[in-house]
Protein backbone atom coordinates (compact mmCIF):
# COMPACT_ATOMS: atom_id res chain seq x y z
CA MET A 1 13.43 9.09 -15.78
CA THR A 2 10.89 6.45 -17.75
CA PRO A 3 11.43 7.10 -21.85
CA ALA A 4 8.58 8.03 -24.10
CA PRO A 5 6.25 5.10 -25.36
CA ASP A 6 6.74 4.56 -29.29
CA PHE A 7 3.18 5.60 -30.03
CA ALA A 8 4.07 5.42 -33.50
CA THR A 9 3.71 1.17 -33.45
CA LEU A 10 0.11 1.89 -32.25
CA GLU A 11 -2.80 1.38 -34.17
CA PHE A 12 -5.12 4.10 -33.73
CA GLN A 13 -9.01 4.33 -34.31
CA PRO A 14 -11.43 6.85 -34.47
CA PHE A 15 -12.92 7.06 -30.84
CA ARG A 16 -16.45 7.24 -29.87
CA GLY A 17 -18.23 10.33 -31.32
CA ASP A 18 -20.67 10.04 -28.23
CA ASP A 19 -19.04 13.21 -26.26
CA PRO A 20 -19.10 16.93 -27.26
CA LEU A 21 -16.73 18.36 -24.64
CA LEU A 22 -13.88 15.97 -26.61
CA ALA A 23 -15.15 16.59 -30.02
CA ALA A 24 -14.98 20.68 -28.77
CA LEU A 25 -11.33 19.97 -27.91
CA GLY A 26 -10.11 18.42 -31.02
CA GLU A 27 -10.37 15.24 -32.66
CA VAL A 28 -9.59 11.90 -30.27
CA ARG A 29 -8.37 8.65 -31.49
CA VAL A 30 -7.58 5.66 -29.21
CA ALA A 31 -5.18 2.50 -29.26
CA ARG A 32 -5.61 -0.38 -26.96
CA PRO A 33 -2.26 -1.96 -26.79
CA GLU A 34 -1.84 -4.92 -23.79
CA GLY A 35 -2.27 -3.92 -20.15
CA GLY A 36 -3.37 0.05 -21.36
CA LEU A 37 -5.10 2.64 -23.11
CA VAL A 38 -4.18 5.45 -25.12
CA LEU A 39 -6.26 8.49 -26.44
CA ARG A 40 -4.72 10.81 -28.69
CA LEU A 41 -6.03 14.21 -29.31
CA ASP A 42 -4.79 16.40 -31.95
CA CYS A 43 -5.88 19.91 -29.84
CA GLY A 44 -7.71 22.17 -31.92
CA PRO A 45 -8.36 25.84 -30.70
CA ALA A 46 -10.18 25.20 -28.22
CA ALA A 47 -7.48 23.16 -26.22
CA ALA A 48 -5.70 26.40 -25.47
CA ASN A 49 -5.73 29.15 -22.45
CA PRO A 50 -5.69 32.59 -22.92
CA GLY A 51 -1.74 32.39 -22.34
CA GLY A 52 -1.30 29.79 -25.73
CA VAL A 53 -0.51 26.63 -23.75
CA ILE A 54 -2.52 23.33 -23.38
CA HIS A 55 -5.40 24.04 -20.60
CA GLY A 56 -5.26 22.71 -17.75
CA GLY A 57 -9.01 21.38 -18.19
CA THR A 58 -7.98 20.02 -21.37
CA LEU A 59 -5.38 17.41 -19.65
CA ALA A 60 -8.07 16.76 -16.79
CA THR A 61 -10.70 16.25 -19.46
CA LEU A 62 -8.61 13.84 -21.48
CA PHE A 63 -7.27 11.89 -18.39
CA ASP A 64 -10.75 11.48 -16.68
CA VAL A 65 -12.14 9.73 -20.08
CA ALA A 66 -9.26 7.92 -21.00
CA PHE A 67 -9.55 6.52 -17.31
CA TYR A 68 -13.14 6.06 -17.51
CA GLU A 69 -12.48 3.93 -20.62
CA ALA A 70 -10.15 1.90 -19.01
CA THR A 71 -12.31 0.65 -16.38
CA ARG A 72 -14.79 -0.62 -19.29
CA ASP A 73 -14.22 -4.44 -19.80
CA GLY A 74 -17.44 -5.38 -20.72
CA ARG A 75 -18.07 -7.45 -17.64
CA SER A 76 -18.18 -5.10 -14.76
CA PRO A 77 -20.88 -2.58 -13.78
CA PRO A 78 -19.68 1.02 -15.25
CA ALA A 79 -18.11 3.21 -13.02
CA VAL A 80 -17.36 7.28 -11.90
CA THR A 81 -14.41 9.45 -10.78
CA SER A 82 -14.18 9.48 -7.53
CA ALA A 83 -11.23 10.95 -7.00
CA LEU A 84 -8.42 11.89 -9.94
CA GLU A 85 -5.23 13.90 -9.27
CA LEU A 86 -3.26 15.99 -11.53
CA LYS A 87 0.55 17.55 -11.88
CA PHE A 88 1.92 19.23 -14.00
CA LEU A 89 5.24 19.25 -15.26
CA SER A 90 5.86 21.24 -18.45
CA PRO A 91 3.20 23.23 -20.77
CA GLY A 92 1.62 21.72 -23.73
CA ARG A 93 1.50 23.45 -27.30
CA PRO A 94 -1.54 24.16 -29.55
CA GLY A 95 -1.29 22.06 -32.44
CA LEU A 96 0.45 18.98 -31.40
CA PRO A 97 -1.08 15.81 -30.81
CA VAL A 98 -0.92 14.79 -26.90
CA GLU A 99 -1.21 11.12 -25.91
CA VAL A 100 -2.86 10.45 -22.91
CA ALA A 101 -1.51 6.74 -22.21
CA VAL A 102 -3.30 4.66 -19.03
CA GLU A 103 -2.87 1.75 -16.92
CA VAL A 104 -5.25 -0.07 -14.40
CA LEU A 105 -3.33 -0.60 -11.55
CA ARG A 106 -5.85 -2.74 -9.36
CA ALA A 107 -9.39 -3.53 -10.49
CA GLY A 108 -11.95 -4.52 -7.44
CA ARG A 109 -15.26 -5.62 -7.57
CA SER A 110 -16.35 -1.66 -6.54
CA THR A 111 -12.81 0.14 -6.85
CA VAL A 112 -10.59 0.94 -9.90
CA PHE A 113 -7.41 2.64 -9.27
CA LEU A 114 -5.55 3.62 -12.45
CA THR A 115 -2.60 5.83 -13.22
CA GLY A 116 -1.50 7.45 -16.24
CA SER A 117 1.07 9.98 -18.32
CA ALA A 118 0.31 13.10 -21.10
CA TRP A 119 3.00 13.51 -23.35
CA GLN A 120 4.09 15.40 -26.39
CA GLN A 121 6.76 14.87 -28.73
CA GLY A 122 8.43 12.54 -26.39
CA ARG A 123 7.93 14.78 -23.62
CA ARG A 124 6.04 14.05 -20.16
CA ILE A 125 3.87 16.85 -19.78
CA ALA A 126 1.49 15.82 -17.15
CA PHE A 127 0.70 12.61 -14.77
CA ALA A 128 -2.56 11.56 -13.13
CA THR A 129 -3.80 8.93 -10.70
CA GLY A 130 -7.40 8.45 -10.62
CA GLN A 131 -9.61 6.14 -8.55
CA PHE A 132 -13.45 4.84 -9.92
CA SER A 133 -16.01 4.03 -8.50
CA ARG A 134 -18.12 0.85 -9.79
CA ILE A 135 -22.54 1.91 -9.74
CA ALA A 136 -25.24 -0.32 -10.32
CA PRO A 137 -26.57 0.15 -13.89
CA ALA A 138 -30.46 2.16 -13.67
CA GLY A 139 -32.60 0.03 -12.23
CA ALA A 140 -30.78 -2.97 -11.23
CA ALA A 141 -31.56 -4.35 -7.42
CA PRO A 142 -29.59 -2.55 -5.13
CA THR A 143 -26.60 -4.35 -3.40
CA PRO A 144 -25.02 -4.09 0.71
CA ASP A 145 -22.27 -2.43 -0.68
CA ARG A 146 -23.39 -0.05 -3.55
CA GLY A 147 -27.09 1.23 -2.05
CA PRO A 148 -29.86 1.50 -4.27
CA ALA A 149 -29.45 2.66 -7.90
CA SER A 150 -30.11 5.52 -9.08
């Protein structure tokens, strides 16, 4: 079994404040260790489901945003989610931070493949795989593999 990463050694910075869904779930911070990206959510009340555990949609949102951020390298066109698969391993507890650590497995010209795990207090509570498709920026000329820009 893979041991939990040492998140205490990372320098977390405030995450971009332009996502109202994330803001509703709690405070989000980001760290960019060599070869990856980690989002930390300090879960607010909205992150929990009626059963009193972290909502699966909260974790899906964290993975989706973390994967998107990991595809942004400043050189390539933006990317959108084309596939996201999650496996929930154990319930997360509201009121405790959740770290989602992601890794880019392969970044091609038009597709990016990623994997990641969600951790809480040294325990893996979920893992995910994702596939993101690069899109042409608005107003860009169509390319043979991407079609017209929308």
